[in-house]
Amino acid sequence: MRYELYYWSGIQGRGEFVRLALEEADADYVDVCREDDGEAVMMALLDSDTVARPPFAPPFLKAGKQLVGQTANILQFLGPRHGLAPADEPGRLWTHQLQLTIADLVSEVHDSHHPLASSMYYEEQRREAKKRAADLVAQRLPKFLGYFERVLVRNSRPPKFIVGRKLTYVDLSLFQVISGLRYAYPNAMSRLEKKYSELVGLHDRVQEGPRIAAYLASARRVPHSEQGIFRHYKELDP
């Protein structure tokens, strides 16, 4: 099966979590919006009156006749099919639970630079963003990163993967979280990473895997930017 991934071209965003899973799985897929008229095709699907179960927004994945939306839901769909999730139901539910927690973290990171409204420019909410970012760095990031560090350590000794003995899509997503936070909050992360060395080690193991390393070195991996979820604004990272 050739998958079709629908997400905005030119940014990593939430679609990058899906791309990492597809790349690690060595899956046959096309990033539709990077094709000619791809975004028009995506918008036509979103606006269609004939799609029985339409997605709310990108990213969404077309697998045969099936459309699967929401990042965590897409990963839950792909995981068992490509060896990126446990075979047993309790393991799959645990993996999905961790991914949903990552989704909560990603939303908070986004809201640190757009605390009032996504429809407003950053410059229109700069003062509020400064307060929100300070709370993110001081309170929320330690809470989330500390949680994932504990889960990782409890899973195995020495820590290797966060679920079971094999890499899952949650490991890939945590790699993306660390990568994004390093871009958005380099000063804060230089301090925080000392407390969460096992998560940093997980990031490095994922990055060094042959398929992910090849992907990161390719043109398919677009760079972080101020158009995505993880955005660097100097005044938010003193």
C-alpha atoms as a PDB file:
ATOM      1  CA  MET A   1       0.000   0.000   0.000  1.00  0.00           C
ATOM      2  CA  ARG A   2       1.214   3.478  -0.833  1.00  0.00           C
ATOM      3  CA  TYR A   3       0.224   5.962   1.839  1.00  0.00           C
ATOM      4  CA  GLU A   4      -0.704   9.548   1.101  1.00  0.00           C
ATOM      5  CA  LEU A   5       0.256  12.035   3.825  1.00  0.00           C
ATOM      6  CA  TYR A   6      -1.578  15.332   3.797  1.00  0.00           C
ATOM      7  CA  TYR A   7       0.075  18.200   5.618  1.00  0.00           C
ATOM      8  CA  TRP A   8       1.205  21.733   4.819  1.00  0.00           C
ATOM      9  CA  SER A   9       4.320  21.932   2.673  1.00  0.00           C
ATOM     10  CA  GLY A  10       7.423  23.735   3.870  1.00  0.00           C
ATOM     11  CA  ILE A  11       6.955  23.190   7.616  1.00  0.00           C
ATOM     12  CA  GLN A  12       7.482  20.329  10.018  1.00  0.00           C
ATOM     13  CA  GLY A  13       4.531  20.964  12.325  1.00  0.00           C
ATOM     14  CA  ARG A  14       2.445  18.071  13.594  1.00  0.00           C
ATOM     15  CA  GLY A  15       2.931  16.251  10.312  1.00  0.00           C
ATOM     16  CA  GLU A  16       6.576  15.640  11.171  1.00  0.00           C
ATOM     17  CA  PHE A  17       5.637  13.131  13.861  1.00  0.00           C
ATOM     18  CA  VAL A  18       3.926  11.077  11.152  1.00  0.00           C
ATOM     19  CA  ARG A  19       6.774  11.518   8.672  1.00  0.00           C
ATOM     20  CA  LEU A  20       9.262  10.144  11.188  1.00  0.00           C
ATOM     21  CA  ALA A  21       7.175   7.008  11.648  1.00  0.00           C
ATOM     22  CA  LEU A  22       6.782   6.506   7.901  1.00  0.00           C
ATOM     23  CA  GLU A  23      10.514   6.984   7.372  1.00  0.00           C
ATOM     24  CA  GLU A  24      11.484   4.583  10.163  1.00  0.00           C
ATOM     25  CA  ALA A  25       9.037   2.032   8.755  1.00  0.00           C
ATOM     26  CA  ASP A  26      10.569   2.459   5.281  1.00  0.00           C
ATOM     27  CA  ALA A  27       6.970   2.837   4.110  1.00  0.00           C
ATOM     28  CA  ASP A  28       5.977   3.728   0.583  1.00  0.00           C
ATOM     29  CA  TYR A  29       4.386   7.162   0.932  1.00  0.00           C
ATOM     30  CA  VAL A  30       3.928  10.449  -0.851  1.00  0.00           C
ATOM     31  CA  ASP A  31       3.912  13.812   0.896  1.00  0.00           C
ATOM     32  CA  VAL A  32       0.996  15.095  -1.167  1.00  0.00           C
ATOM     33  CA  CYS A  33       1.336  18.823  -0.517  1.00  0.00           C
ATOM     34  CA  ARG A  34       4.880  18.779  -1.848  1.00  0.00           C
ATOM     35  CA  GLU A  35       3.504  17.677  -5.205  1.00  0.00           C
ATOM     36  CA  ASP A  36       2.079  20.033  -7.839  1.00  0.00           C
ATOM     37  CA  ASP A  37      -1.373  21.246  -6.748  1.00  0.00           C
ATOM     38  CA  GLY A  38      -1.035  19.108  -3.614  1.00  0.00           C
ATOM     39  CA  GLU A  39      -2.458  21.705  -1.245  1.00  0.00           C
ATOM     40  CA  ALA A  40      -5.454  22.200  -3.529  1.00  0.00           C
ATOM     41  CA  VAL A  41      -6.056  18.438  -3.421  1.00  0.00           C
ATOM     42  CA  MET A  42      -5.827  18.496   0.379  1.00  0.00           C
ATOM     43  CA  MET A  43      -8.275  21.379   0.704  1.00  0.00           C
ATOM     44  CA  ALA A  44     -10.687  19.691  -1.675  1.00  0.00           C
ATOM     45  CA  LEU A  45     -10.715  16.618   0.562  1.00  0.00           C
ATOM     46  CA  LEU A  46     -11.239  18.733   3.675  1.00  0.00           C
ATOM     47  CA  ASP A  47     -14.117  20.629   2.064  1.00  0.00           C
ATOM     48  CA  SER A  48     -15.706  17.679   0.277  1.00  0.00           C
ATOM     49  CA  ASP A  49     -19.346  16.817   0.988  1.00  0.00           C
ATOM     50  CA  THR A  50     -18.802  13.273  -0.248  1.00  0.00           C
ATOM     51  CA  VAL A  51     -16.225  12.138   2.329  1.00  0.00           C
ATOM     52  CA  ALA A  52     -18.174  10.090   4.863  1.00  0.00           C
ATOM     53  CA  ARG A  53     -15.675  10.560   7.711  1.00  0.00           C
ATOM     54  CA  PRO A  54     -13.828  13.796   6.984  1.00  0.00           C
ATOM     55  CA  PRO A  55     -10.790  14.870   9.005  1.00  0.00           C
ATOM     56  CA  PHE A  56     -11.005  18.168  10.867  1.00  0.00           C
ATOM     57  CA  ALA A  57      -7.573  19.408   9.781  1.00  0.00           C
ATOM     58  CA  PRO A  58      -4.192  18.149   8.606  1.00  0.00           C
ATOM     59  CA  PRO A  59      -2.292  16.017   9.190  1.00  0.00           C
ATOM     60  CA  PHE A  60      -4.302  13.136   7.874  1.00  0.00           C
ATOM     61  CA  LEU A  61      -3.311   9.940   6.122  1.00  0.00           C
ATOM     62  CA  LYS A  62      -4.964   8.164   3.213  1.00  0.00           C
ATOM     63  CA  ALA A  63      -4.504   4.393   3.318  1.00  0.00           C
ATOM     64  CA  GLY A  64      -6.432   2.805   0.482  1.00  0.00           C
ATOM     65  CA  LYS A  65      -9.949   4.178   0.839  1.00  0.00           C
ATOM     66  CA  GLN A  66      -9.494   5.043   4.502  1.00  0.00           C
ATOM     67  CA  LEU A  67      -8.740   8.530   5.821  1.00  0.00           C
ATOM     68  CA  VAL A  68      -7.177   8.704   9.279  1.00  0.00           C
ATOM     69  CA  GLY A  69      -6.838  12.061  11.038  1.00  0.00           C
ATOM     70  CA  GLN A  70      -5.184  13.411  14.207  1.00  0.00           C
ATOM     71  CA  THR A  71      -1.470  12.816  14.758  1.00  0.00           C
ATOM     72  CA  ALA A  72      -1.766  10.379  17.668  1.00  0.00           C
ATOM     73  CA  ASN A  73      -4.534   8.481  15.890  1.00  0.00           C
ATOM     74  CA  ILE A  74      -2.465   8.169  12.710  1.00  0.00           C
ATOM     75  CA  LEU A  75       0.461   6.830  14.717  1.00  0.00           C
ATOM     76  CA  GLN A  76      -1.810   4.380  16.510  1.00  0.00           C
ATOM     77  CA  PHE A  77      -2.942   3.183  13.072  1.00  0.00           C
ATOM     78  CA  LEU A  78       0.586   2.879  11.654  1.00  0.00           C
ATOM     79  CA  GLY A  79       2.327   1.474  14.725  1.00  0.00           C
ATOM     80  CA  PRO A  80       1.079  -2.133  14.758  1.00  0.00           C
ATOM     81  CA  ARG A  81       1.283  -2.359  10.965  1.00  0.00           C
ATOM     82  CA  HIS A  82       4.965  -1.492  10.861  1.00  0.00           C
ATOM     83  CA  GLY A  83       6.414  -2.878  14.068  1.00  0.00           C
ATOM     84  CA  LEU A  84       6.395   0.491  15.830  1.00  0.00           C
ATOM     85  CA  ALA A  85       4.001  -0.505  18.621  1.00  0.00           C
ATOM     86  CA  PRO A  86       3.619  -3.523  20.912  1.00  0.00           C
ATOM     87  CA  ALA A  87       1.639  -6.521  19.688  1.00  0.00           C
ATOM     88  CA  ASP A  88      -0.529  -6.781  22.811  1.00  0.00           C
ATOM     89  CA  GLU A  89      -3.482  -4.505  23.524  1.00  0.00           C
ATOM     90  CA  PRO A  90      -2.266  -3.205  26.925  1.00  0.00           C
ATOM     91  CA  GLY A  91       1.043  -2.285  25.305  1.00  0.00           C
ATOM     92  CA  ARG A  92      -0.668  -0.508  22.426  1.00  0.00           C
ATOM     93  CA  LEU A  93      -2.907   1.439  24.793  1.00  0.00           C
ATOM     94  CA  TRP A  94       0.096   2.467  26.903  1.00  0.00           C
ATOM     95  CA  THR A  95       1.940   3.599  23.789  1.00  0.00           C
ATOM     96  CA  HIS A  96      -1.078   5.609  22.654  1.00  0.00           C
ATOM     97  CA  GLN A  97      -1.415   7.140  26.118  1.00  0.00           C
ATOM     98  CA  LEU A  98       2.182   8.351  25.991  1.00  0.00           C
ATOM     99  CA  GLN A  99       1.615   9.813  22.526  1.00  0.00           C
ATOM    100  CA  LEU A 100      -1.457  11.691  23.743  1.00  0.00           C
ATOM    101  CA  THR A 101       0.659  13.137  26.550  1.00  0.00           C
ATOM    102  CA  ILE A 102       3.171  14.281  23.931  1.00  0.00           C
ATOM    103  CA  ALA A 103       0.271  15.926  22.100  1.00  0.00           C
ATOM    104  CA  ASP A 104      -0.552  17.857  25.288  1.00  0.00           C
ATOM    105  CA  LEU A 105       3.059  19.023  25.530  1.00  0.00           C
ATOM    106  CA  VAL A 106       3.142  20.059  21.873  1.00  0.00           C
ATOM    107  CA  SER A 107      -0.012  22.132  22.350  1.00  0.00           C
ATOM    108  CA  GLU A 108       1.529  23.918  25.316  1.00  0.00           C
ATOM    109  CA  VAL A 109       4.679  24.678  23.325  1.00  0.00           C
ATOM    110  CA  HIS A 110       2.550  26.125  20.527  1.00  0.00           C
ATOM    111  CA  ASP A 111       0.577  28.232  22.990  1.00  0.00           C
ATOM    112  CA  SER A 112       3.766  29.670  24.455  1.00  0.00           C
ATOM    113  CA  HIS A 113       4.156  31.821  21.337  1.00  0.00           C
ATOM    114  CA  HIS A 114       0.444  32.110  20.472  1.00  0.00           C
ATOM    115  CA  PRO A 115      -1.243  32.323  23.884  1.00  0.00           C
ATOM    116  CA  LEU A 116      -4.259  34.374  22.803  1.00  0.00           C
ATOM    117  CA  ALA A 117      -5.218  33.029  19.380  1.00  0.00           C
ATOM    118  CA  SER A 118      -3.682  31.086  16.523  1.00  0.00           C
ATOM    119  CA  SER A 119      -5.323  33.510  14.090  1.00  0.00           C
ATOM    120  CA  MET A 120      -3.367  36.456  15.503  1.00  0.00           C
ATOM    121  CA  TYR A 121       0.217  37.299  14.573  1.00  0.00           C
ATOM    122  CA  TYR A 122       2.879  36.692  17.196  1.00  0.00           C
ATOM    123  CA  GLU A 123       3.604  40.427  17.247  1.00  0.00           C
ATOM    124  CA  GLU A 124       0.026  41.070  18.385  1.00  0.00           C
ATOM    125  CA  GLN A 125       0.461  38.933  21.503  1.00  0.00           C
ATOM    126  CA  ARG A 126       4.143  39.359  22.289  1.00  0.00           C
ATOM    127  CA  ARG A 127       3.632  40.559  25.873  1.00  0.00           C
ATOM    128  CA  GLU A 128       1.332  37.641  26.713  1.00  0.00           C
ATOM    129  CA  ALA A 129       3.693  35.205  24.977  1.00  0.00           C
ATOM    130  CA  LYS A 130       6.583  36.344  27.156  1.00  0.00           C
ATOM    131  CA  LYS A 131       4.608  35.464  30.295  1.00  0.00           C
ATOM    132  CA  ARG A 132       3.396  32.171  28.872  1.00  0.00           C
ATOM    133  CA  ALA A 133       6.869  31.149  27.703  1.00  0.00           C
ATOM    134  CA  ALA A 134       8.353  31.903  31.119  1.00  0.00           C
ATOM    135  CA  ASP A 135       5.801  29.601  32.733  1.00  0.00           C
ATOM    136  CA  LEU A 136       6.437  26.919  30.099  1.00  0.00           C
ATOM    137  CA  VAL A 137      10.150  26.903  30.812  1.00  0.00           C
ATOM    138  CA  ALA A 138       9.897  27.177  34.592  1.00  0.00           C
ATOM    139  CA  GLN A 139       6.943  24.877  35.253  1.00  0.00           C
ATOM    140  CA  ARG A 140       5.540  22.921  32.354  1.00  0.00           C
ATOM    141  CA  LEU A 141       8.648  21.628  30.567  1.00  0.00           C
ATOM    142  CA  PRO A 142      10.156  20.208  33.780  1.00  0.00           C
ATOM    143  CA  LYS A 143       6.823  18.521  34.522  1.00  0.00           C
ATOM    144  CA  PHE A 144       6.545  16.884  31.105  1.00  0.00           C
ATOM    145  CA  LEU A 145      10.228  16.074  30.598  1.00  0.00           C
ATOM    146  CA  GLY A 146      10.522  14.762  34.136  1.00  0.00           C
ATOM    147  CA  TYR A 147       7.561  12.453  33.524  1.00  0.00           C
ATOM    148  CA  PHE A 148       9.002  11.013  30.323  1.00  0.00           C
ATOM    149  CA  GLU A 149      12.431  10.630  31.948  1.00  0.00           C
ATOM    150  CA  ARG A 150      10.879   8.575  34.770  1.00  0.00           C
ATOM    151  CA  VAL A 151       8.917   6.390  32.370  1.00  0.00           C
ATOM    152  CA  LEU A 152      12.022   5.779  30.270  1.00  0.00           C
ATOM    153  CA  VAL A 153      14.142   4.807  33.281  1.00  0.00           C
ATOM    154  CA  ARG A 154      11.464   2.500  34.688  1.00  0.00           C
ATOM    155  CA  ASN A 155      11.025   0.692  31.390  1.00  0.00           C
ATOM    156  CA  SER A 156      14.526  -0.774  31.265  1.00  0.00           C
ATOM    157  CA  ARG A 157      17.962  -0.533  32.833  1.00  0.00           C
ATOM    158  CA  PRO A 158      20.002   0.787  31.260  1.00  0.00           C
ATOM    159  CA  PRO A 159      17.305   2.936  29.607  1.00  0.00           C
ATOM    160  CA  LYS A 160      17.020   2.327  25.887  1.00  0.00           C
ATOM    161  CA  PHE A 161      13.436   2.722  24.657  1.00  0.00           C
ATOM    162  CA  ILE A 162      10.371   4.072  26.408  1.00  0.00           C
ATOM    163  CA  VAL A 163       8.044   1.112  25.714  1.00  0.00           C
ATOM    164  CA  GLY A 164       9.220  -2.503  25.870  1.00  0.00           C
ATOM    165  CA  ARG A 165      12.482  -3.559  24.243  1.00  0.00           C
ATOM    166  CA  LYS A 166      11.945  -2.141  20.757  1.00  0.00           C
ATOM    167  CA  LEU A 167      11.729   1.307  19.274  1.00  0.00           C
ATOM    168  CA  THR A 168       8.172   2.615  18.971  1.00  0.00           C
ATOM    169  CA  TYR A 169       6.610   5.685  17.443  1.00  0.00           C
ATOM    170  CA  VAL A 170       6.739   7.343  20.878  1.00  0.00           C
ATOM    171  CA  ASP A 171      10.552   7.209  20.805  1.00  0.00           C
ATOM    172  CA  LEU A 172      10.453   8.905  17.418  1.00  0.00           C
ATOM    173  CA  SER A 173       8.085  11.564  18.729  1.00  0.00           C
ATOM    174  CA  LEU A 174      10.242  12.257  21.771  1.00  0.00           C
ATOM    175  CA  PHE A 175      13.190  12.736  19.430  1.00  0.00           C
ATOM    176  CA  GLN A 176      11.140  15.363  17.594  1.00  0.00           C
ATOM    177  CA  VAL A 177      10.148  17.065  20.832  1.00  0.00           C
ATOM    178  CA  ILE A 178      13.765  17.398  21.983  1.00  0.00           C
ATOM    179  CA  SER A 179      14.831  18.560  18.530  1.00  0.00           C
ATOM    180  CA  GLY A 180      12.067  21.167  18.433  1.00  0.00           C
ATOM    181  CA  LEU A 181      12.676  22.437  21.949  1.00  0.00           C
ATOM    182  CA  ARG A 182      16.387  22.813  21.225  1.00  0.00           C
ATOM    183  CA  TYR A 183      15.460  25.045  18.308  1.00  0.00           C
ATOM    184  CA  ALA A 184      12.766  27.062  20.083  1.00  0.00           C
ATOM    185  CA  TYR A 185      14.388  27.386  23.511  1.00  0.00           C
ATOM    186  CA  PRO A 186      18.130  26.754  23.141  1.00  0.00           C
ATOM    187  CA  ASN A 187      19.091  28.633  26.301  1.00  0.00           C
ATOM    188  CA  ALA A 188      16.458  26.960  28.436  1.00  0.00           C
ATOM    189  CA  MET A 189      17.261  23.530  27.028  1.00  0.00           C
ATOM    190  CA  SER A 190      20.961  23.962  27.705  1.00  0.00           C
ATOM    191  CA  ARG A 191      19.981  24.154  31.369  1.00  0.00           C
ATOM    192  CA  LEU A 192      17.179  21.590  31.391  1.00  0.00           C
ATOM    193  CA  GLU A 193      18.983  18.843  29.500  1.00  0.00           C
ATOM    194  CA  LYS A 194      21.387  18.340  32.395  1.00  0.00           C
ATOM    195  CA  LYS A 195      18.448  17.054  34.448  1.00  0.00           C
ATOM    196  CA  TYR A 196      17.068  14.763  31.738  1.00  0.00           C
ATOM    197  CA  SER A 197      20.133  13.020  30.386  1.00  0.00           C
ATOM    198  CA  GLU A 198      18.293   9.784  29.602  1.00  0.00           C
ATOM    199  CA  LEU A 199      15.846  11.594  27.313  1.00  0.00           C
ATOM    200  CA  VAL A 200      18.803  13.218  25.581  1.00  0.00           C
ATOM    201  CA  GLY A 201      20.319   9.763  25.157  1.00  0.00           C
ATOM    202  CA  LEU A 202      17.072   8.516  23.628  1.00  0.00           C
ATOM    203  CA  HIS A 203      17.109  11.451  21.205  1.00  0.00           C
ATOM    204  CA  ASP A 204      20.641  10.551  20.169  1.00  0.00           C
ATOM    205  CA  ARG A 205      19.830   6.859  19.661  1.00  0.00           C
ATOM    206  CA  VAL A 206      16.892   7.692  17.421  1.00  0.00           C
ATOM    207  CA  GLN A 207      18.947  10.212  15.468  1.00  0.00           C
ATOM    208  CA  GLU A 208      21.699   7.681  14.863  1.00  0.00           C
ATOM    209  CA  GLY A 209      19.383   4.957  13.536  1.00  0.00           C
ATOM    210  CA  PRO A 210      20.159   4.319   9.852  1.00  0.00           C
ATOM    211  CA  ARG A 211      16.739   5.208   8.445  1.00  0.00           C
ATOM    212  CA  ILE A 212      16.237   8.321  10.550  1.00  0.00           C
ATOM    213  CA  ALA A 213      19.826   9.438   9.941  1.00  0.00           C
ATOM    214  CA  ALA A 214      19.261   9.098   6.190  1.00  0.00           C
ATOM    215  CA  TYR A 215      15.997  11.021   6.447  1.00  0.00           C
ATOM    216  CA  LEU A 216      17.562  13.852   8.459  1.00  0.00           C
ATOM    217  CA  ALA A 217      20.312  14.180   5.864  1.00  0.00           C
ATOM    218  CA  SER A 218      17.821  14.312   2.979  1.00  0.00           C
ATOM    219  CA  ALA A 219      15.831  17.155   1.449  1.00  0.00           C
ATOM    220  CA  ARG A 220      12.664  15.509   2.771  1.00  0.00           C
ATOM    221  CA  ARG A 221      13.464  16.841   6.248  1.00  0.00           C
ATOM    222  CA  VAL A 222      12.648  20.533   6.143  1.00  0.00           C
ATOM    223  CA  PRO A 223      14.276  22.727   8.800  1.00  0.00           C
ATOM    224  CA  HIS A 224      12.584  24.173  11.859  1.00  0.00           C
ATOM    225  CA  SER A 225      11.202  27.644  11.263  1.00  0.00           C
ATOM    226  CA  GLU A 226       8.976  30.360  12.690  1.00  0.00           C
ATOM    227  CA  GLN A 227       6.043  28.903  10.766  1.00  0.00           C
ATOM    228  CA  GLY A 228       5.780  25.660  12.710  1.00  0.00           C
ATOM    229  CA  ILE A 229       4.989  24.573  16.253  1.00  0.00           C
ATOM    230  CA  PHE A 230       8.498  25.018  17.631  1.00  0.00           C
ATOM    231  CA  ARG A 231       9.415  28.653  17.006  1.00  0.00           C
ATOM    232  CA  HIS A 232      12.445  30.567  18.234  1.00  0.00           C
ATOM    233  CA  TYR A 233      11.897  34.106  19.415  1.00  0.00           C
ATOM    234  CA  LYS A 234      14.919  35.542  21.239  1.00  0.00           C
ATOM    235  CA  GLU A 235      12.839  37.463  23.755  1.00  0.00           C
ATOM    236  CA  LEU A 236      11.089  34.261  24.871  1.00  0.00           C
ATOM    237  CA  ASP A 237      14.365  32.478  25.638  1.00  0.00           C
ATOM    238  CA  PRO A 238      16.527  34.824  27.728  1.00  0.00           C
END
